[in-house]
Amino acid sequence: MAIKTLHITNHYHPSSGGIRVFYHALLEAADRHQREVCLVVPGTKDSIEKVGEFGRIYTIAAPPCPVFDSRYHLLLPHLYALPYPSALRRILQKEQPDLVEVCDKFALSCVPSVLRRHWIKGVAPAVLVGMSCERLDDNVSAYISERPIAKSLANWYLKKMYVTRFDCHISNSEYTAGELMQALANRPEIQVHVRPMGVDCGSFSPARRTASAREVLLSRLAIAPPGTKSPRLLLYAGRISPEKNIEVLVDMIEILAADESAQYHVLFAGDGPRAPWLKSIAPQKAPGRIHLLGHIASREDLANLYANCDALVHPNPREPFGIAPLEAMASGLPVVAPRAGGVLSYANACNSWLVRAEGSDFANGVREVFSDNAGKSRKVEQALRTAANFDWPQVARIFFDLYDELYNRFRQFRGVETEGHAHAALQSGAAN
């Protein structure tokens, strides 16, 4: 009998990004592997959604995030730590998961302590896993302060208040894992496992590029090809928020707009707290060259958009992993990205155009994409092969295998644990 996993996150709303994509990929894979997968997320009202036969999404009514991005809601500690009936406590009692994974470093970080101390009556011991899809120090730098003391406080919090509450951790890249491993330098029994995110190669494909789809896109943008100077469409797909470094793309298109040999446009597919700023600055920096498309809800529409643009520009040097560049690779789209961060999990000089995260460097990288057609074809072909190695069915299986491994190790050593702690069980597995 396959184990049951329950995943809790605050990084979720109907139009959120990579973490939502990840958990939906696990839910979609649940039927193929005939294993129960439950996802618990905040929202505007309580609800239960079935995903196939084996997957369930529980939404719990929760207040909106008061800072950063009000589209997100927060499951706060009083919903699970206080000794009175609540939706989250009832879900844990009902589901009796074998493994609980928490993807949140603040409001939900006390969940493992509550479960380990048996504060929720009737919930059997489970493996307690921290899922890291972003770096705390990067978020502190983007949203609060870039001063060294801010980073020091982030590191202190991880070491003293977060990492030791879990039996083990999973990170989506070596880059994301770095700060966890630093915080756990003196706790080798708590392992950090690195597992990548993925891409839906069945949906994202170069076969979606057609002359008619391209014409529809140009008409939507009110871009008429001026004779032989065909428009070159540069796509950004993701949240428009402080940590994404989108200012680089504004500088880039301001430089490229002066080129007389080509007509460049940058398309922003996404939404977020920096969207109003971007909308206000666009007419000043590059009139008619910056296009805000908003959130693209349909996977098919997004896949069509990728395939019918000319390059993806991904400016964040501190990207934890970066699903959008993988989706672009699977779509046959050249990728211009920083030579830094989690994108280096799969992006290299053979399949991408890697540059410094500066407007001028991005402009030069874009020009290079179009300056050598033979070189571009070689890189795009290599990128397609790269993306195929990260197809979601393969990635989901890798995660399920890891969950099984952690659970079996936990069960093997359950008899010698103290206070329900699984550290001794997990010590036998090396970080990988």
Protein backbone atom coordinates (compact mmCIF):
# COMPACT_ATOMS: atom_id res chain seq x y z
CA MET A 1 0.00 0.00 0.00
CA ALA A 2 1.41 3.39 -1.03
CA ILE A 3 1.89 5.97 1.70
CA LYS A 4 -0.33 9.04 2.03
CA THR A 5 1.34 12.45 1.85
CA LEU A 6 -0.18 15.72 3.00
CA HIS A 7 1.28 19.02 1.79
CA ILE A 8 0.57 22.39 3.39
CA THR A 9 1.55 25.73 1.89
CA ASN A 10 0.70 29.42 2.04
CA HIS A 11 2.40 30.06 -1.32
CA TYR A 12 -0.78 29.43 -3.27
CA HIS A 13 -3.67 31.25 -4.87
CA PRO A 14 -5.61 30.65 -8.12
CA SER A 15 -3.05 32.52 -10.25
CA SER A 16 0.14 31.83 -8.27
CA GLY A 17 3.27 30.42 -9.81
CA GLY A 18 5.82 27.64 -9.46
CA ILE A 19 4.78 26.13 -6.12
CA ARG A 20 1.19 25.80 -7.33
CA VAL A 21 2.42 24.19 -10.56
CA PHE A 22 4.54 21.73 -8.54
CA TYR A 23 1.75 20.58 -6.27
CA HIS A 24 -0.73 20.27 -9.12
CA ALA A 25 1.80 18.08 -10.93
CA LEU A 26 1.94 15.80 -7.88
CA LEU A 27 -1.85 15.71 -7.71
CA GLU A 28 -2.12 14.84 -11.39
CA ALA A 29 0.45 12.07 -10.93
CA ALA A 30 -1.35 10.62 -7.92
CA ASP A 31 -3.75 8.55 -10.04
CA ARG A 32 -0.95 7.14 -12.19
CA HIS A 33 0.88 5.97 -9.08
CA GLN A 34 -2.30 5.10 -7.14
CA ARG A 35 -1.23 6.98 -4.05
CA GLU A 36 -3.13 9.49 -1.95
CA VAL A 37 -1.91 13.09 -2.14
CA CYS A 38 -3.62 15.85 -0.15
CA LEU A 39 -2.88 19.55 -0.56
CA VAL A 40 -3.97 22.11 2.07
CA VAL A 41 -4.00 25.78 1.04
CA PRO A 42 -5.54 29.06 2.23
CA GLY A 43 -8.32 30.87 0.39
CA THR A 44 -11.46 32.93 0.76
CA LYS A 45 -13.70 30.06 1.93
CA ASP A 46 -13.57 26.43 3.01
CA SER A 47 -13.85 23.88 0.21
CA ILE A 48 -12.72 20.43 -0.93
CA GLU A 49 -11.78 19.68 -4.53
CA LYS A 50 -11.15 16.16 -5.79
CA VAL A 51 -8.34 15.71 -8.30
CA GLY A 52 -8.90 12.33 -9.90
CA GLU A 53 -9.41 9.36 -7.62
CA PHE A 54 -6.45 9.85 -5.31
CA GLY A 55 -5.88 13.62 -5.04
CA ARG A 56 -7.63 16.21 -2.88
CA ILE A 57 -7.21 19.95 -2.39
CA TYR A 58 -8.50 21.35 0.90
CA THR A 59 -8.97 25.12 0.91
CA ILE A 60 -9.29 26.77 4.32
CA ALA A 61 -10.76 30.24 4.79
CA ALA A 62 -7.91 32.50 5.90
CA PRO A 63 -7.14 36.23 6.04
CA PRO A 64 -5.32 37.91 3.14
CA CYS A 65 -1.63 38.64 3.48
CA PRO A 66 -1.40 42.16 4.97
CA VAL A 67 1.93 42.94 3.23
CA PHE A 68 3.86 41.98 0.10
CA ASP A 69 0.99 40.60 -2.05
CA SER A 70 -2.67 40.69 -0.98
CA ARG A 71 -3.64 38.00 -3.51
CA TYR A 72 -2.20 35.45 -1.09
CA HIS A 73 -3.97 34.32 2.08
CA LEU A 74 -2.29 33.02 5.22
CA LEU A 75 -2.91 29.95 7.35
CA LEU A 76 -1.82 31.34 10.71
CA PRO A 77 -0.67 29.41 13.83
CA HIS A 78 -3.97 29.80 15.67
CA LEU A 79 -5.56 27.57 13.01
CA TYR A 80 -3.56 24.56 14.18
CA ALA A 81 -1.70 25.30 17.43
CA LEU A 82 -4.50 26.32 19.78
CA PRO A 83 -6.49 23.51 21.45
CA TYR A 84 -9.87 24.06 19.82
CA PRO A 85 -11.47 22.54 16.71
CA SER A 86 -10.29 24.11 13.47
CA ALA A 87 -10.30 23.13 9.82
CA LEU A 88 -6.60 22.27 9.64
CA ARG A 89 -6.70 20.17 12.81
CA ARG A 90 -9.76 18.31 11.51
CA ILE A 91 -8.07 17.63 8.15
CA LEU A 92 -4.99 16.16 9.86
CA GLN A 93 -7.21 14.00 12.10
CA LYS A 94 -9.26 12.80 9.13
CA GLU A 95 -6.44 12.12 6.68
CA GLN A 96 -3.89 10.56 9.07
CA PRO A 97 -0.98 11.21 6.69
CA ASP A 98 2.20 9.18 6.76
CA LEU A 99 4.28 12.18 5.72
CA VAL A 100 3.53 15.89 6.23
CA GLU A 101 5.34 18.40 4.05
CA VAL A 102 5.26 22.10 4.94
CA CYS A 103 6.16 24.70 2.31
CA ASP A 104 6.32 27.92 4.36
CA LYS A 105 9.03 29.34 6.57
CA PHE A 106 6.89 31.52 8.83
CA ALA A 107 3.18 31.11 9.53
CA LEU A 108 3.24 27.31 9.13
CA SER A 109 6.68 26.63 10.55
CA CYS A 110 5.23 25.51 13.90
CA VAL A 111 3.24 22.63 12.34
CA PRO A 112 5.98 20.04 12.97
CA SER A 113 6.36 21.10 16.60
CA VAL A 114 2.60 20.82 17.15
CA LEU A 115 2.52 17.35 15.60
CA ARG A 116 5.64 16.12 17.37
CA ARG A 117 4.21 17.16 20.75
CA HIS A 118 0.89 15.44 19.95
CA TRP A 119 -1.09 18.63 20.44
CA ILE A 120 -3.60 17.45 17.85
CA LYS A 121 -5.36 14.51 19.41
CA GLY A 122 -5.50 11.28 17.44
CA VAL A 123 -2.96 12.17 14.74
CA ALA A 124 -0.42 9.38 14.36
CA PRO A 125 3.32 10.19 14.07
CA ALA A 126 4.37 11.19 10.57
CA VAL A 127 7.59 12.12 8.81
CA LEU A 128 7.91 15.92 9.00
CA VAL A 129 9.44 17.50 5.92
CA GLY A 130 10.28 21.14 5.18
CA MET A 131 9.91 22.02 1.49
CA SER A 132 12.01 24.99 0.34
CA CYS A 133 11.20 26.53 -3.03
CA GLU A 134 12.89 29.86 -2.32
CA ARG A 135 15.66 31.37 -0.21
CA LEU A 136 14.74 33.38 2.86
CA ASP A 137 17.76 35.66 2.59
CA ASP A 138 16.83 36.61 -0.98
CA ASN A 139 13.26 37.45 -0.01
CA VAL A 140 14.44 39.54 2.93
CA SER A 141 16.78 41.39 0.61
CA ALA A 142 14.05 42.01 -2.00
CA TYR A 143 11.22 43.00 0.36
CA ILE A 144 12.83 44.39 3.51
CA SER A 145 16.46 45.43 3.26
CA GLU A 146 19.67 44.61 1.41
CA ARG A 147 21.80 45.55 4.41
CA PRO A 148 24.06 42.81 5.80
CA ILE A 149 22.25 42.84 9.14
CA ALA A 150 19.03 41.80 7.39
CA LYS A 151 20.72 38.77 5.88
CA SER A 152 22.26 37.94 9.26
CA LEU A 153 18.82 38.01 10.87
CA ALA A 154 17.46 35.73 8.15
CA ASN A 155 20.27 33.26 8.77
CA TRP A 156 19.70 33.45 12.54
CA TYR A 157 15.99 32.73 12.09
CA LEU A 158 16.66 29.71 9.88
CA LYS A 159 19.18 28.26 12.32
CA LYS A 160 17.35 28.93 15.58
CA MET A 161 13.67 28.93 14.64
CA TYR A 162 13.15 26.85 11.51
CA VAL A 163 15.46 24.11 10.25
CA THR A 164 15.59 21.93 13.40
CA ARG A 165 11.81 21.62 13.65
CA PHE A 166 11.74 19.16 10.75
CA ASP A 167 13.02 15.61 10.33
CA CYS A 168 14.53 16.57 6.98
CA HIS A 169 14.30 19.14 4.19
CA ILE A 170 13.76 19.09 0.44
CA SER A 171 14.96 21.93 -1.79
CA ASN A 172 14.26 22.56 -5.45
CA SER A 173 17.91 23.38 -6.30
CA GLU A 174 21.42 23.39 -4.87
CA TYR A 175 21.11 27.18 -4.80
CA THR A 176 18.02 27.06 -2.57
CA ALA A 177 19.55 24.32 -0.41
CA GLY A 178 22.64 26.41 0.28
CA GLU A 179 21.23 28.48 3.11
CA LEU A 180 19.62 25.44 4.75
CA MET A 181 22.86 23.50 4.72
CA GLN A 182 24.65 26.48 6.21
CA ALA A 183 22.07 26.68 8.99
CA LEU A 184 22.41 22.92 9.61
CA ALA A 185 26.21 22.88 9.63
CA ASN A 186 26.22 21.53 13.19
CA ARG A 187 23.24 19.20 12.73
CA PRO A 188 24.34 16.54 10.21
CA GLU A 189 21.49 14.24 11.26
CA ILE A 190 18.98 16.58 9.58
CA GLN A 191 19.48 16.02 5.88
CA VAL A 192 18.73 18.31 2.93
CA HIS A 193 17.62 16.52 -0.23
CA VAL A 194 17.71 18.37 -3.55
CA ARG A 195 15.00 17.51 -6.07
CA PRO A 196 14.24 19.67 -9.14
CA MET A 197 10.97 21.05 -10.39
CA GLY A 198 9.68 20.11 -13.85
CA VAL A 199 7.88 21.05 -17.03
CA ASP A 200 4.82 19.71 -18.85
CA CYS A 201 6.40 18.66 -22.15
CA GLY A 202 3.04 17.47 -23.40
CA SER A 203 1.63 20.98 -23.25
CA PHE A 204 4.67 23.13 -23.99
CA SER A 205 5.93 22.32 -27.47
CA PRO A 206 7.41 24.06 -30.54
CA ALA A 207 4.62 22.42 -32.57
CA ARG A 208 2.33 25.15 -31.28
CA ARG A 209 4.14 27.79 -33.34
CA THR A 210 2.08 28.55 -36.45
CA ALA A 211 1.78 31.49 -38.82
CA SER A 212 -1.87 31.99 -37.90
CA ALA A 213 -1.20 31.93 -34.14
CA ARG A 214 1.61 34.42 -34.63
CA GLU A 215 -0.66 36.76 -36.59
CA VAL A 216 -3.32 36.58 -33.90
CA LEU A 217 -0.73 37.49 -31.25
CA LEU A 218 0.61 40.44 -33.27
CA SER A 219 -2.95 41.66 -33.87
CA ARG A 220 -3.71 41.39 -30.14
CA LEU A 221 -0.67 43.51 -29.38
CA ALA A 222 -1.52 45.97 -32.17
CA ILE A 223 1.90 45.35 -33.71
CA ALA A 224 1.94 45.57 -37.49
CA PRO A 225 5.13 44.25 -39.12
CA PRO A 226 6.69 47.33 -40.82
CA GLY A 227 7.91 45.88 -44.10
CA THR A 228 11.02 43.79 -43.68
CA LYS A 229 11.57 44.79 -40.06
CA SER A 230 9.70 41.89 -38.49
CA PRO A 231 8.87 42.30 -34.78
CA ARG A 232 10.93 40.28 -32.33
CA LEU A 233 8.82 39.30 -29.35
CA LEU A 234 10.66 38.86 -26.05
CA LEU A 235 8.62 37.14 -23.36
CA TYR A 236 8.79 37.40 -19.59
CA ALA A 237 6.56 34.87 -17.78
CA GLY A 238 6.19 35.11 -14.02
CA ARG A 239 5.23 37.29 -11.10
CA ILE A 240 5.79 41.01 -11.46
CA SER A 241 7.20 41.48 -8.00
CA PRO A 242 10.29 42.98 -6.31
CA GLU A 243 12.34 39.78 -6.13
CA LYS A 244 12.03 39.11 -9.87
CA ASN A 245 14.38 41.97 -10.90
CA ILE A 246 12.13 43.17 -13.74
CA GLU A 247 13.83 46.58 -13.79
CA VAL A 248 16.55 44.88 -15.85
CA LEU A 249 14.03 44.19 -18.61
CA VAL A 250 12.91 47.81 -18.67
CA ASP A 251 16.54 48.89 -19.11
CA MET A 252 17.00 46.19 -21.74
CA ILE A 253 14.06 47.21 -23.92
CA GLU A 254 15.00 50.89 -23.61
CA ILE A 255 18.36 49.98 -25.17
CA LEU A 256 16.90 47.64 -27.80
CA ALA A 257 14.25 50.17 -28.83
CA ALA A 258 17.04 52.31 -30.27
CA ASP A 259 18.15 49.52 -32.64
CA GLU A 260 17.38 50.37 -36.24
CA SER A 261 17.94 46.84 -37.56
CA ALA A 262 15.03 45.22 -35.70
CA GLN A 263 11.84 46.03 -33.84
CA TYR A 264 11.93 44.55 -30.32
CA HIS A 265 8.97 44.23 -27.97
CA VAL A 266 8.88 42.76 -24.47
CA LEU A 267 5.72 40.99 -23.27
CA PHE A 268 4.99 40.53 -19.56
CA ALA A 269 2.78 37.50 -18.90
CA GLY A 270 1.94 37.73 -15.22
CA ASP A 271 0.75 39.99 -12.45
CA GLY A 272 1.93 41.15 -9.07
CA PRO A 273 2.64 44.12 -6.80
CA ARG A 274 5.07 45.76 -9.26
CA ALA A 275 2.62 45.71 -12.18
CA PRO A 276 1.26 49.24 -11.52
CA TRP A 277 4.81 50.61 -11.49
CA LEU A 278 5.63 48.81 -14.72
CA LYS A 279 2.48 50.12 -16.38
CA SER A 280 3.28 53.68 -15.35
CA ILE A 281 6.93 53.60 -16.44
CA ALA A 282 6.40 51.84 -19.80
CA PRO A 283 5.35 54.91 -21.87
CA GLN A 284 8.34 56.87 -20.61
CA LYS A 285 11.03 54.23 -21.08
CA ALA A 286 10.03 52.51 -24.32
CA PRO A 287 6.76 53.77 -25.83
CA GLY A 288 4.84 51.02 -27.57
CA ARG A 289 7.45 48.37 -26.79
CA ILE A 290 6.28 47.10 -23.34
CA HIS A 291 3.09 45.03 -23.28
CA LEU A 292 1.40 43.88 -20.08
CA LEU A 293 -0.71 40.78 -20.75
CA GLY A 294 -1.73 40.07 -17.17
CA HIS A 295 -2.02 36.59 -15.71
CA ILE A 296 -2.53 33.84 -18.32
CA ALA A 297 -4.87 31.40 -16.56
CA SER A 298 -5.10 28.75 -19.29
CA ARG A 299 -2.16 26.38 -19.68
CA GLU A 300 -2.98 26.05 -23.38
CA ASP A 301 -3.01 29.83 -23.88
CA LEU A 302 0.30 30.12 -22.05
CA ALA A 303 1.84 27.34 -24.14
CA ASN A 304 0.67 29.05 -27.34
CA LEU A 305 2.18 32.31 -26.14
CA TYR A 306 5.58 30.73 -25.44
CA ALA A 307 5.75 29.01 -28.82
CA ASN A 308 4.81 32.12 -30.81
CA CYS A 309 7.29 34.51 -29.22
CA ASP A 310 10.95 34.71 -30.23
CA ALA A 311 12.90 34.48 -26.95
CA LEU A 312 12.35 34.27 -23.21
CA VAL A 313 14.07 36.88 -21.03
CA HIS A 314 14.35 35.83 -17.39
CA PRO A 315 16.17 38.53 -15.37
CA ASN A 316 16.29 37.21 -11.79
CA PRO A 317 19.84 36.24 -10.68
CA ARG A 318 18.43 34.84 -7.44
CA GLU A 319 15.76 32.62 -8.98
CA PRO A 320 15.29 29.57 -6.71
CA PHE A 321 14.78 27.23 -9.68
CA GLY A 322 12.80 28.82 -12.50
CA ILE A 323 10.01 26.83 -14.13
CA ALA A 324 9.41 29.48 -16.82
CA PRO A 325 12.81 29.00 -18.52
CA LEU A 326 12.16 25.24 -18.63
CA GLU A 327 8.74 25.84 -20.19
CA ALA A 328 10.41 28.09 -22.76
CA MET A 329 12.99 25.39 -23.55
CA ALA A 330 10.24 22.82 -24.03
CA SER A 331 8.52 25.30 -26.38
CA GLY A 332 11.60 25.70 -28.57
CA LEU A 333 12.17 29.24 -27.35
CA PRO A 334 15.70 30.64 -26.85
CA VAL A 335 16.34 31.52 -23.18
CA VAL A 336 18.33 34.57 -22.04
CA ALA A 337 18.95 34.30 -18.29
CA PRO A 338 21.46 35.34 -15.61
CA ARG A 339 24.60 33.33 -15.05
CA ALA A 340 23.53 32.75 -11.44
CA GLY A 341 20.94 31.21 -9.16
CA GLY A 342 18.78 28.13 -9.43
CA VAL A 343 18.38 28.32 -13.22
CA LEU A 344 21.88 26.86 -13.41
CA SER A 345 20.30 23.58 -12.32
CA TYR A 346 19.58 23.06 -16.01
CA ALA A 347 20.66 26.17 -17.99
CA ASN A 348 24.19 26.29 -19.39
CA ALA A 349 26.19 27.72 -22.27
CA CYS A 350 25.07 24.88 -24.54
CA ASN A 351 21.32 25.44 -24.21
CA SER A 352 20.91 29.09 -23.15
CA TRP A 353 22.35 32.58 -23.44
CA LEU A 354 23.72 33.31 -19.96
CA VAL A 355 24.63 36.90 -19.10
CA ARG A 356 25.04 39.29 -16.16
CA ALA A 357 21.76 40.57 -14.74
CA GLU A 358 22.15 44.05 -16.18
CA GLY A 359 20.06 45.77 -18.85
CA SER A 360 22.96 46.23 -21.26
CA ASP A 361 24.07 42.61 -20.90
CA PHE A 362 20.55 41.36 -21.50
CA ALA A 363 20.29 43.56 -24.59
CA ASN A 364 23.54 42.08 -25.90
CA GLY A 365 22.34 38.56 -25.09
CA VAL A 366 19.14 39.16 -27.04
CA ARG A 367 21.07 40.50 -30.01
CA GLU A 368 23.28 37.40 -29.91
CA VAL A 369 20.22 35.15 -30.12
CA PHE A 370 19.33 36.66 -33.50
CA SER A 371 22.86 37.10 -34.85
CA ASP A 372 23.69 33.43 -35.46
CA ASN A 373 20.83 31.27 -36.76
CA ALA A 374 22.91 28.09 -36.87
CA GLY A 375 24.12 28.62 -33.31
CA LYS A 376 20.59 29.38 -32.18
CA SER A 377 19.29 26.15 -33.72
CA ARG A 378 21.96 24.10 -31.93
CA LYS A 379 21.17 25.65 -28.56
CA VAL A 380 17.41 25.29 -29.00
CA GLU A 381 17.78 21.61 -29.92
CA GLN A 382 19.91 21.03 -26.84
CA ALA A 383 17.36 22.91 -24.74
CA LEU A 384 14.57 20.64 -26.00
CA ARG A 385 16.59 17.61 -24.86
CA THR A 386 17.21 19.28 -21.50
CA ALA A 387 13.52 19.97 -20.95
CA ALA A 388 12.63 16.36 -21.78
CA ASN A 389 14.75 15.25 -18.81
CA PHE A 390 12.54 17.36 -16.51
CA ASP A 391 9.13 16.21 -17.75
CA TRP A 392 6.69 16.33 -14.84
CA PRO A 393 5.80 12.61 -14.85
CA GLN A 394 9.49 11.79 -14.31
CA VAL A 395 9.92 14.52 -11.68
CA ALA A 396 6.76 13.49 -9.79
CA ARG A 397 8.00 9.89 -9.67
CA ILE A 398 11.34 11.11 -8.25
CA PHE A 399 9.49 12.97 -5.47
CA PHE A 400 7.26 9.99 -4.70
CA ASP A 401 10.32 7.73 -4.50
CA LEU A 402 11.95 10.14 -2.04
CA TYR A 403 8.80 10.33 0.11
CA ASP A 404 8.70 6.52 0.24
CA GLU A 405 12.38 6.35 1.15
CA LEU A 406 11.95 8.84 3.99
CA TYR A 407 8.86 7.09 5.31
CA ASN A 408 10.43 3.63 5.23
CA ARG A 409 13.49 4.88 7.07
CA PHE A 410 11.26 6.58 9.64
CA ARG A 411 9.18 3.43 10.16
CA GLN A 412 12.28 1.26 10.48
CA PHE A 413 13.62 3.34 13.36
CA ARG A 414 10.32 4.27 15.00
CA GLY A 415 10.94 1.95 17.90
CA VAL A 416 14.11 3.76 18.98
CA GLU A 417 12.91 7.35 18.57
CA THR A 418 12.50 9.65 21.52
CA GLU A 419 9.47 11.94 21.71
CA GLY A 420 8.43 10.92 18.22
CA HIS A 421 11.52 12.48 16.64
CA ALA A 422 12.72 10.84 13.43
CA HIS A 423 16.20 12.34 13.26
CA ALA A 424 17.90 9.02 14.08
CA ALA A 425 15.91 7.37 11.31
CA LEU A 426 16.89 9.93 8.77
CA GLN A 427 20.55 10.12 9.73
CA SER A 428 21.35 7.04 7.68
CA GLY A 429 20.49 8.83 4.42
CA ALA A 430 23.10 11.11 2.88
CA ALA A 431 22.08 14.49 1.53
CA ASN A 432 21.59 14.29 -2.23
